[in-house]
Each structure stands twice: as structure tokens, then as C-alpha cells.
Amino acid sequence: MSEPESNDQPMPLVAHLTELREKILRAVLAVLLFFIVLFPFANDIYAAVSRPLRALLPEGASMIATEVASPFFTPFKLAMVTAAFLAMPYVLYQVWSFIAPGMYRNEKRLAIPLLVSSVLLFYAGAAFAYFVVFPLIFAFFTSVGPEDITIMTDINSYLNFVLKLFFAFGIAFEIPIAAMLLIWAGITTPEALAKKRPYIIVGCFVFGMLLTPPDVISQSLLALPMWLLFEVGVYCGKFMRRDA
């Protein structure tokens, strides 16, 4: 096995902890800076996030706040989550800069593309949820209710609902990265993963059932991309093993 790229002497534990503290503080500072910039536009951000539902509400229906502080704290929470979402590349860069000195050259060549791909895939999963999943499931929910019931969704409940879906689809889109890491680490092979395809498909639908609302549409919209992304991970894993 080749030696690490750096010839520096091992750092003492206190120095490692000091460096870790600096990385964490930089990451937190980045999130806070994004939050400071975004907070004045918190209501506009919430309006954008809630647009898929508001566009489908019947005439005369609207979203409501059932708690006294919800009109303030709900956009506040959304601004904070959005700040963390936008700062994630810099946060992951801080993580990378902390662990990179202890990695071998061939590990770095693989880790950098995987790190960038994982960020892009998470963003892609969130975008898929917003542009594809939200319109479909909200159209379904607003069309099946009793005719004499007026839809007035609480703004905080709606935010918790969509954040859960954003997170679920973002994590689900990381499946190719997980598959490639397992293959690269020698834990499994593309052929072994391919043989487990029936169990993977069932697992995707179980995962979709646990992380989405109790309707077939949203469960399928999460499970099917997970299965396709699993196939992408297995396919790419063949080239990783070939280049190893």
C-alpha cells in the first residue's frame, strides 16, 4: 500500500481537536452568514416553498397559522434550514479538509468526485421532490377530500411535511454513492448486489412507505427513483472495480 501523500509528522490529539473545533466554527459561521442574508426574505422563501400547494387550493381556501408565534417562527425555521442547505458544500469542504491529510493519493482521487456527486445528488433529490412529487401528491390530496370541507393547511404543519420529503428524497438520491462506496471498500461486488435486486426493490418500497405520506403516489415516486439509482450505482461500480 502506498504511503500517504503528506510527509508531515502525526499531529497530537490536542492539535487535532483544535483543528476540528476550527472546522466546526467555520461551518457554523457559514450557515449563520447565509441565514443573516436569507432571513429578510424568509416570507418570500416560504411563499416559494408553499407554492405547489397554494396553486391547487380551491377558490377561497388559504393557508393558516394555528399558533400565535407560527407566523414568525415558521419562516424563521425555513430560513435556517435553507441556510444550512445552501452552505452544505462549504460544510462538506471543511469535513474534507479535516480528513484529507490522512488519506492516500488513490483514495483522494476517488473521494473528491464522490463528495461532489453526493452534494449534487442531494440537491437533485430535493429538486425532484419540489418540481415532480409535490404537484402530484398535493393534487391528489386536495382532490379526494369531502366536498363540504374547506382546505386550510397550517403553515407549520406544511413546512414539517415538505422538509421531511426534501430530506427523504435527498437521502434516497445518495444510493449510487452508497453502492459505489460498498464496492470500492470491497464489502460487496456488483454481481452480488445484482443478485440481491429483488430484495433491494422491496426495500425501496418499504423505505418509501416509511418516509412518505401514506399514499401510493408518493411512495412510488420515492421507491422507483431509488431502484433506478441503485442500478446506476451498480453499473458505475463495475468501472470502479475495473480501475482498482
C-alpha atoms as a PDB file:
ATOM      1  CA  MET A   1       0.000   0.000   0.000  1.00  0.00           C
ATOM      2  CA  SER A   2       1.343   3.412  -0.922  1.00  0.00           C
ATOM      3  CA  GLU A   3       2.252   5.942   1.745  1.00  0.00           C
ATOM      4  CA  PRO A   4       0.087   8.950   2.400  1.00  0.00           C
ATOM      5  CA  GLU A   5       0.756  11.910   0.182  1.00  0.00           C
ATOM      6  CA  SER A   6       1.813  14.127   3.082  1.00  0.00           C
ATOM      7  CA  ASN A   7       5.113  13.591   4.932  1.00  0.00           C
ATOM      8  CA  ASP A   8       4.060  15.635   7.954  1.00  0.00           C
ATOM      9  CA  GLN A   9       4.536  14.159  11.386  1.00  0.00           C
ATOM     10  CA  PRO A  10       1.403  12.901  13.108  1.00  0.00           C
ATOM     11  CA  MET A  11      -0.386  15.667  14.980  1.00  0.00           C
ATOM     12  CA  PRO A  12      -1.005  15.302  18.731  1.00  0.00           C
ATOM     13  CA  LEU A  13      -4.545  14.791  19.934  1.00  0.00           C
ATOM     14  CA  VAL A  14      -4.904  18.355  21.209  1.00  0.00           C
ATOM     15  CA  ALA A  15      -3.876  19.736  17.817  1.00  0.00           C
ATOM     16  CA  HIS A  16      -6.454  17.504  16.103  1.00  0.00           C
ATOM     17  CA  LEU A  17      -9.170  18.688  18.462  1.00  0.00           C
ATOM     18  CA  THR A  18      -8.160  22.314  17.932  1.00  0.00           C
ATOM     19  CA  GLU A  19      -8.301  21.880  14.165  1.00  0.00           C
ATOM     20  CA  LEU A  20     -11.670  20.112  14.429  1.00  0.00           C
ATOM     21  CA  ARG A  21     -13.022  22.997  16.505  1.00  0.00           C
ATOM     22  CA  GLU A  22     -11.874  25.486  13.869  1.00  0.00           C
ATOM     23  CA  LYS A  23     -13.534  23.495  11.085  1.00  0.00           C
ATOM     24  CA  ILE A  24     -16.802  23.283  13.032  1.00  0.00           C
ATOM     25  CA  LEU A  25     -16.745  27.009  13.801  1.00  0.00           C
ATOM     26  CA  ARG A  26     -16.161  27.824  10.132  1.00  0.00           C
ATOM     27  CA  ALA A  27     -19.054  25.596   9.102  1.00  0.00           C
ATOM     28  CA  VAL A  28     -21.379  27.145  11.700  1.00  0.00           C
ATOM     29  CA  LEU A  29     -20.274  30.634  10.663  1.00  0.00           C
ATOM     30  CA  ALA A  30     -21.071  29.863   7.025  1.00  0.00           C
ATOM     31  CA  VAL A  31     -24.589  28.735   7.970  1.00  0.00           C
ATOM     32  CA  LEU A  32     -25.099  31.854  10.092  1.00  0.00           C
ATOM     33  CA  LEU A  33     -23.935  34.130   7.287  1.00  0.00           C
ATOM     34  CA  PHE A  34     -26.358  32.531   4.862  1.00  0.00           C
ATOM     35  CA  PHE A  35     -29.094  32.843   7.470  1.00  0.00           C
ATOM     36  CA  ILE A  36     -28.401  36.559   8.006  1.00  0.00           C
ATOM     37  CA  VAL A  37     -28.684  37.135   4.261  1.00  0.00           C
ATOM     38  CA  LEU A  38     -31.803  34.990   3.856  1.00  0.00           C
ATOM     39  CA  PHE A  39     -33.828  35.988   6.919  1.00  0.00           C
ATOM     40  CA  PRO A  40     -35.137  39.281   5.452  1.00  0.00           C
ATOM     41  CA  PHE A  41     -36.547  37.195   2.602  1.00  0.00           C
ATOM     42  CA  ALA A  42     -37.927  34.424   4.851  1.00  0.00           C
ATOM     43  CA  ASN A  43     -41.554  35.131   3.928  1.00  0.00           C
ATOM     44  CA  ASP A  44     -40.704  35.116   0.219  1.00  0.00           C
ATOM     45  CA  ILE A  45     -38.888  31.803   0.623  1.00  0.00           C
ATOM     46  CA  TYR A  46     -41.887  30.332   2.401  1.00  0.00           C
ATOM     47  CA  ALA A  47     -44.159  31.599  -0.359  1.00  0.00           C
ATOM     48  CA  ALA A  48     -41.980  29.818  -2.912  1.00  0.00           C
ATOM     49  CA  VAL A  49     -41.906  26.575  -0.914  1.00  0.00           C
ATOM     50  CA  SER A  50     -45.667  26.618  -0.379  1.00  0.00           C
ATOM     51  CA  ARG A  51     -46.498  27.490  -3.995  1.00  0.00           C
ATOM     52  CA  PRO A  52     -47.115  23.856  -5.098  1.00  0.00           C
ATOM     53  CA  LEU A  53     -49.909  23.565  -2.535  1.00  0.00           C
ATOM     54  CA  ARG A  54     -51.319  27.085  -2.793  1.00  0.00           C
ATOM     55  CA  ALA A  55     -51.648  26.717  -6.571  1.00  0.00           C
ATOM     56  CA  LEU A  56     -54.033  23.799  -6.040  1.00  0.00           C
ATOM     57  CA  LEU A  57     -56.169  25.158  -3.224  1.00  0.00           C
ATOM     58  CA  PRO A  58     -59.838  25.726  -4.085  1.00  0.00           C
ATOM     59  CA  GLU A  59     -61.054  29.263  -4.523  1.00  0.00           C
ATOM     60  CA  GLY A  60     -61.480  30.920  -1.155  1.00  0.00           C
ATOM     61  CA  ALA A  61     -59.157  28.499   0.655  1.00  0.00           C
ATOM     62  CA  SER A  62     -55.881  29.602   2.158  1.00  0.00           C
ATOM     63  CA  MET A  63     -53.104  28.521   4.491  1.00  0.00           C
ATOM     64  CA  ILE A  64     -53.483  29.448   8.155  1.00  0.00           C
ATOM     65  CA  ALA A  65     -51.422  29.774  11.337  1.00  0.00           C
ATOM     66  CA  THR A  66     -52.955  27.941  14.292  1.00  0.00           C
ATOM     67  CA  GLU A  67     -50.374  29.131  16.831  1.00  0.00           C
ATOM     68  CA  VAL A  68     -49.639  32.683  17.922  1.00  0.00           C
ATOM     69  CA  ALA A  69     -45.922  32.573  17.087  1.00  0.00           C
ATOM     70  CA  SER A  70     -46.184  30.489  13.906  1.00  0.00           C
ATOM     71  CA  PRO A  71     -46.141  33.491  11.515  1.00  0.00           C
ATOM     72  CA  PHE A  72     -42.682  34.349  12.862  1.00  0.00           C
ATOM     73  CA  PHE A  73     -41.101  31.028  13.807  1.00  0.00           C
ATOM     74  CA  THR A  74     -42.150  29.079  10.706  1.00  0.00           C
ATOM     75  CA  PRO A  75     -40.369  31.378   8.180  1.00  0.00           C
ATOM     76  CA  PHE A  76     -37.504  31.644  10.705  1.00  0.00           C
ATOM     77  CA  LYS A  77     -37.090  27.858  10.732  1.00  0.00           C
ATOM     78  CA  LEU A  78     -37.324  27.680   6.962  1.00  0.00           C
ATOM     79  CA  ALA A  79     -34.661  30.379   6.570  1.00  0.00           C
ATOM     80  CA  MET A  80     -32.351  28.444   8.896  1.00  0.00           C
ATOM     81  CA  VAL A  81     -32.897  25.172   7.023  1.00  0.00           C
ATOM     82  CA  THR A  82     -32.356  26.912   3.688  1.00  0.00           C
ATOM     83  CA  ALA A  83     -29.135  28.454   5.005  1.00  0.00           C
ATOM     84  CA  ALA A  84     -27.850  25.025   6.027  1.00  0.00           C
ATOM     85  CA  PHE A  85     -28.945  23.653   2.655  1.00  0.00           C
ATOM     86  CA  LEU A  86     -27.027  26.311   0.724  1.00  0.00           C
ATOM     87  CA  ALA A  87     -23.965  26.164   2.986  1.00  0.00           C
ATOM     88  CA  MET A  88     -23.681  22.388   2.708  1.00  0.00           C
ATOM     89  CA  PRO A  89     -20.927  22.400   0.018  1.00  0.00           C
ATOM     90  CA  TYR A  90     -18.738  24.588   2.253  1.00  0.00           C
ATOM     91  CA  VAL A  91     -19.574  22.476   5.317  1.00  0.00           C
ATOM     92  CA  LEU A  92     -18.584  19.311   3.462  1.00  0.00           C
ATOM     93  CA  TYR A  93     -15.420  21.034   2.267  1.00  0.00           C
ATOM     94  CA  GLN A  94     -14.498  21.640   5.912  1.00  0.00           C
ATOM     95  CA  VAL A  95     -15.089  17.967   6.641  1.00  0.00           C
ATOM     96  CA  TRP A  96     -12.967  17.049   3.631  1.00  0.00           C
ATOM     97  CA  SER A  97     -10.104  19.352   4.606  1.00  0.00           C
ATOM     98  CA  PHE A  98     -10.041  17.739   8.061  1.00  0.00           C
ATOM     99  CA  ILE A  99      -9.870  14.121   6.917  1.00  0.00           C
ATOM    100  CA  ALA A 100      -7.934  14.553   3.639  1.00  0.00           C
ATOM    101  CA  PRO A 101      -4.404  14.721   5.175  1.00  0.00           C
ATOM    102  CA  GLY A 102      -4.804  11.160   6.449  1.00  0.00           C
ATOM    103  CA  MET A 103      -5.916   9.723   3.120  1.00  0.00           C
ATOM    104  CA  TYR A 104      -3.839   8.048   0.425  1.00  0.00           C
ATOM    105  CA  ARG A 105      -3.488   9.565  -3.033  1.00  0.00           C
ATOM    106  CA  ASN A 106      -5.724   6.973  -4.713  1.00  0.00           C
ATOM    107  CA  GLU A 107      -8.350   7.479  -2.006  1.00  0.00           C
ATOM    108  CA  LYS A 108      -8.358  11.224  -2.642  1.00  0.00           C
ATOM    109  CA  ARG A 109      -8.798  10.709  -6.389  1.00  0.00           C
ATOM    110  CA  LEU A 110     -11.968   8.750  -5.687  1.00  0.00           C
ATOM    111  CA  ALA A 111     -13.233  10.711  -2.676  1.00  0.00           C
ATOM    112  CA  ILE A 112     -13.348  14.121  -4.372  1.00  0.00           C
ATOM    113  CA  PRO A 113     -15.696  13.077  -7.233  1.00  0.00           C
ATOM    114  CA  LEU A 114     -17.857  11.135  -4.774  1.00  0.00           C
ATOM    115  CA  LEU A 115     -18.087  14.130  -2.460  1.00  0.00           C
ATOM    116  CA  VAL A 116     -19.105  16.473  -5.266  1.00  0.00           C
ATOM    117  CA  SER A 117     -21.540  13.910  -6.663  1.00  0.00           C
ATOM    118  CA  SER A 118     -23.158  13.352  -3.275  1.00  0.00           C
ATOM    119  CA  VAL A 119     -23.879  17.082  -2.912  1.00  0.00           C
ATOM    120  CA  LEU A 120     -25.298  17.333  -6.433  1.00  0.00           C
ATOM    121  CA  LEU A 121     -27.420  14.219  -5.956  1.00  0.00           C
ATOM    122  CA  PHE A 122     -28.863  15.539  -2.703  1.00  0.00           C
ATOM    123  CA  TYR A 123     -29.808  18.785  -4.436  1.00  0.00           C
ATOM    124  CA  ALA A 124     -31.248  16.785  -7.336  1.00  0.00           C
ATOM    125  CA  GLY A 125     -33.376  14.758  -4.929  1.00  0.00           C
ATOM    126  CA  ALA A 126     -34.751  17.901  -3.299  1.00  0.00           C
ATOM    127  CA  ALA A 127     -35.468  19.444  -6.714  1.00  0.00           C
ATOM    128  CA  PHE A 128     -37.227  16.258  -7.837  1.00  0.00           C
ATOM    129  CA  ALA A 129     -39.415  16.409  -4.731  1.00  0.00           C
ATOM    130  CA  TYR A 130     -40.338  20.053  -5.322  1.00  0.00           C
ATOM    131  CA  PHE A 131     -40.965  20.014  -9.069  1.00  0.00           C
ATOM    132  CA  VAL A 132     -42.329  16.494  -9.579  1.00  0.00           C
ATOM    133  CA  VAL A 133     -43.562  14.987  -6.329  1.00  0.00           C
ATOM    134  CA  PHE A 134     -45.197  17.967  -4.634  1.00  0.00           C
ATOM    135  CA  PRO A 135     -47.570  18.873  -7.507  1.00  0.00           C
ATOM    136  CA  LEU A 136     -48.690  15.263  -7.848  1.00  0.00           C
ATOM    137  CA  ILE A 137     -49.311  14.452  -4.201  1.00  0.00           C
ATOM    138  CA  PHE A 138     -50.899  17.819  -3.418  1.00  0.00           C
ATOM    139  CA  ALA A 139     -53.193  17.453  -6.419  1.00  0.00           C
ATOM    140  CA  PHE A 140     -54.178  14.050  -5.079  1.00  0.00           C
ATOM    141  CA  PHE A 141     -54.729  15.254  -1.510  1.00  0.00           C
ATOM    142  CA  THR A 142     -56.776  18.287  -2.496  1.00  0.00           C
ATOM    143  CA  SER A 143     -58.986  16.292  -4.864  1.00  0.00           C
ATOM    144  CA  VAL A 144     -60.027  13.414  -2.586  1.00  0.00           C
ATOM    145  CA  GLY A 145     -61.381  15.403   0.356  1.00  0.00           C
ATOM    146  CA  PRO A 146     -65.089  15.725   1.086  1.00  0.00           C
ATOM    147  CA  GLU A 147     -66.786  18.468  -0.884  1.00  0.00           C
ATOM    148  CA  ASP A 148     -68.068  20.286   2.212  1.00  0.00           C
ATOM    149  CA  ILE A 149     -64.589  20.501   3.811  1.00  0.00           C
ATOM    150  CA  THR A 150     -62.590  23.687   3.238  1.00  0.00           C
ATOM    151  CA  ILE A 151     -58.842  23.081   2.962  1.00  0.00           C
ATOM    152  CA  MET A 152     -56.859  25.415   5.203  1.00  0.00           C
ATOM    153  CA  THR A 153     -53.439  23.926   5.918  1.00  0.00           C
ATOM    154  CA  ASP A 154     -51.428  25.106   8.912  1.00  0.00           C
ATOM    155  CA  ILE A 155     -48.193  26.746   7.782  1.00  0.00           C
ATOM    156  CA  ASN A 156     -46.037  24.965  10.367  1.00  0.00           C
ATOM    157  CA  SER A 157     -47.538  21.549   9.607  1.00  0.00           C
ATOM    158  CA  TYR A 158     -46.963  22.133   5.913  1.00  0.00           C
ATOM    159  CA  LEU A 159     -43.324  23.089   6.494  1.00  0.00           C
ATOM    160  CA  ASN A 160     -42.660  19.986   8.585  1.00  0.00           C
ATOM    161  CA  PHE A 161     -44.289  17.882   5.879  1.00  0.00           C
ATOM    162  CA  VAL A 162     -42.247  19.260   2.985  1.00  0.00           C
ATOM    163  CA  LEU A 163     -38.959  19.257   4.940  1.00  0.00           C
ATOM    164  CA  LYS A 164     -39.490  15.577   5.632  1.00  0.00           C
ATOM    165  CA  LEU A 165     -39.972  14.926   1.925  1.00  0.00           C
ATOM    166  CA  PHE A 166     -36.986  17.083   0.947  1.00  0.00           C
ATOM    167  CA  PHE A 167     -34.795  15.101   3.334  1.00  0.00           C
ATOM    168  CA  ALA A 168     -36.217  11.732   2.257  1.00  0.00           C
ATOM    169  CA  PHE A 169     -35.666  12.352  -1.454  1.00  0.00           C
ATOM    170  CA  GLY A 170     -32.260  13.936  -0.863  1.00  0.00           C
ATOM    171  CA  ILE A 171     -31.072  10.882   1.070  1.00  0.00           C
ATOM    172  CA  ALA A 172     -32.675   8.485  -1.409  1.00  0.00           C
ATOM    173  CA  PHE A 173     -30.736  10.031  -4.270  1.00  0.00           C
ATOM    174  CA  GLU A 174     -27.486   9.130  -2.461  1.00  0.00           C
ATOM    175  CA  ILE A 175     -27.986   5.440  -3.245  1.00  0.00           C
ATOM    176  CA  PRO A 176     -25.453   5.359  -6.147  1.00  0.00           C
ATOM    177  CA  ILE A 177     -22.800   6.828  -3.842  1.00  0.00           C
ATOM    178  CA  ALA A 178     -23.549   4.247  -1.156  1.00  0.00           C
ATOM    179  CA  ALA A 179     -23.400   1.388  -3.666  1.00  0.00           C
ATOM    180  CA  MET A 180     -20.099   2.587  -5.134  1.00  0.00           C
ATOM    181  CA  LEU A 181     -18.551   3.022  -1.681  1.00  0.00           C
ATOM    182  CA  LEU A 182     -19.519  -0.529  -0.727  1.00  0.00           C
ATOM    183  CA  ILE A 183     -17.969  -1.859  -3.924  1.00  0.00           C
ATOM    184  CA  TRP A 184     -14.839   0.288  -3.585  1.00  0.00           C
ATOM    185  CA  ALA A 185     -14.328  -0.829   0.033  1.00  0.00           C
ATOM    186  CA  GLY A 186     -14.511  -4.476  -1.027  1.00  0.00           C
ATOM    187  CA  ILE A 187     -17.579  -5.148   1.121  1.00  0.00           C
ATOM    188  CA  THR A 188     -19.529  -6.381  -1.876  1.00  0.00           C
ATOM    189  CA  THR A 189     -19.337  -6.676  -5.660  1.00  0.00           C
ATOM    190  CA  PRO A 190     -21.585  -5.510  -8.500  1.00  0.00           C
ATOM    191  CA  GLU A 191     -22.567  -9.103  -9.169  1.00  0.00           C
ATOM    192  CA  ALA A 192     -23.530  -9.675  -5.531  1.00  0.00           C
ATOM    193  CA  LEU A 193     -25.622  -6.513  -5.495  1.00  0.00           C
ATOM    194  CA  ALA A 194     -27.302  -7.502  -8.751  1.00  0.00           C
ATOM    195  CA  LYS A 195     -28.311 -10.858  -7.237  1.00  0.00           C
ATOM    196  CA  LYS A 196     -29.964  -9.016  -4.365  1.00  0.00           C
ATOM    197  CA  ARG A 197     -32.050  -6.889  -6.746  1.00  0.00           C
ATOM    198  CA  PRO A 198     -35.450  -8.374  -5.683  1.00  0.00           C
ATOM    199  CA  TYR A 199     -34.706  -7.598  -2.035  1.00  0.00           C
ATOM    200  CA  ILE A 200     -33.478  -4.110  -2.959  1.00  0.00           C
ATOM    201  CA  ILE A 201     -36.717  -3.362  -4.816  1.00  0.00           C
ATOM    202  CA  VAL A 202     -38.809  -4.485  -1.853  1.00  0.00           C
ATOM    203  CA  GLY A 203     -36.572  -2.439   0.459  1.00  0.00           C
ATOM    204  CA  CYS A 204     -37.054   0.644  -1.708  1.00  0.00           C
ATOM    205  CA  PHE A 205     -40.823   0.398  -1.379  1.00  0.00           C
ATOM    206  CA  VAL A 206     -40.564  -0.217   2.371  1.00  0.00           C
ATOM    207  CA  PHE A 207     -38.291   2.811   2.688  1.00  0.00           C
ATOM    208  CA  GLY A 208     -40.731   4.843   0.610  1.00  0.00           C
ATOM    209  CA  MET A 209     -43.593   3.708   2.820  1.00  0.00           C
ATOM    210  CA  LEU A 210     -41.782   4.803   5.991  1.00  0.00           C
ATOM    211  CA  LEU A 211     -40.576   8.192   4.767  1.00  0.00           C
ATOM    212  CA  THR A 212     -43.505   9.460   2.734  1.00  0.00           C
ATOM    213  CA  PRO A 213     -47.190  10.120   3.427  1.00  0.00           C
ATOM    214  CA  PRO A 214     -49.482   7.077   3.422  1.00  0.00           C
ATOM    215  CA  ASP A 215     -50.419   7.200  -0.241  1.00  0.00           C
ATOM    216  CA  VAL A 216     -49.296   5.050  -3.149  1.00  0.00           C
ATOM    217  CA  ILE A 217     -48.287   8.007  -5.335  1.00  0.00           C
ATOM    218  CA  SER A 218     -45.612   9.497  -3.088  1.00  0.00           C
ATOM    219  CA  GLN A 219     -44.355   6.051  -2.040  1.00  0.00           C
ATOM    220  CA  SER A 220     -43.909   5.012  -5.671  1.00  0.00           C
ATOM    221  CA  LEU A 221     -42.324   8.345  -6.608  1.00  0.00           C
ATOM    222  CA  LEU A 222     -39.666   7.704  -3.976  1.00  0.00           C
ATOM    223  CA  ALA A 223     -39.236   3.955  -4.451  1.00  0.00           C
ATOM    224  CA  LEU A 224     -38.875   3.917  -8.250  1.00  0.00           C
ATOM    225  CA  PRO A 225     -36.072   6.533  -8.423  1.00  0.00           C
ATOM    226  CA  MET A 226     -34.301   4.690  -5.593  1.00  0.00           C
ATOM    227  CA  TRP A 227     -34.370   1.481  -7.606  1.00  0.00           C
ATOM    228  CA  LEU A 228     -33.117   3.219 -10.764  1.00  0.00           C
ATOM    229  CA  LEU A 229     -30.355   4.955  -8.809  1.00  0.00           C
ATOM    230  CA  PHE A 230     -29.358   1.609  -7.324  1.00  0.00           C
ATOM    231  CA  GLU A 231     -28.921   0.281 -10.854  1.00  0.00           C
ATOM    232  CA  VAL A 232     -26.778   3.326 -11.695  1.00  0.00           C
ATOM    233  CA  GLY A 233     -24.604   2.662  -8.649  1.00  0.00           C
ATOM    234  CA  VAL A 234     -24.114  -0.998  -9.588  1.00  0.00           C
ATOM    235  CA  TYR A 235     -23.233  -0.052 -13.160  1.00  0.00           C
ATOM    236  CA  CYS A 236     -20.698   2.586 -12.109  1.00  0.00           C
ATOM    237  CA  GLY A 237     -19.287   0.206  -9.513  1.00  0.00           C
ATOM    238  CA  LYS A 238     -18.170  -2.133 -12.290  1.00  0.00           C
ATOM    239  CA  PHE A 239     -15.837   0.548 -13.669  1.00  0.00           C
ATOM    240  CA  MET A 240     -14.516   1.385 -10.214  1.00  0.00           C
ATOM    241  CA  ARG A 241     -13.539  -2.200  -9.636  1.00  0.00           C
ATOM    242  CA  ARG A 242     -12.019  -2.425 -13.083  1.00  0.00           C
ATOM    243  CA  ASP A 243      -9.868   0.641 -12.390  1.00  0.00           C
ATOM    244  CA  ALA A 244      -8.819  -0.525  -8.925  1.00  0.00           C
END
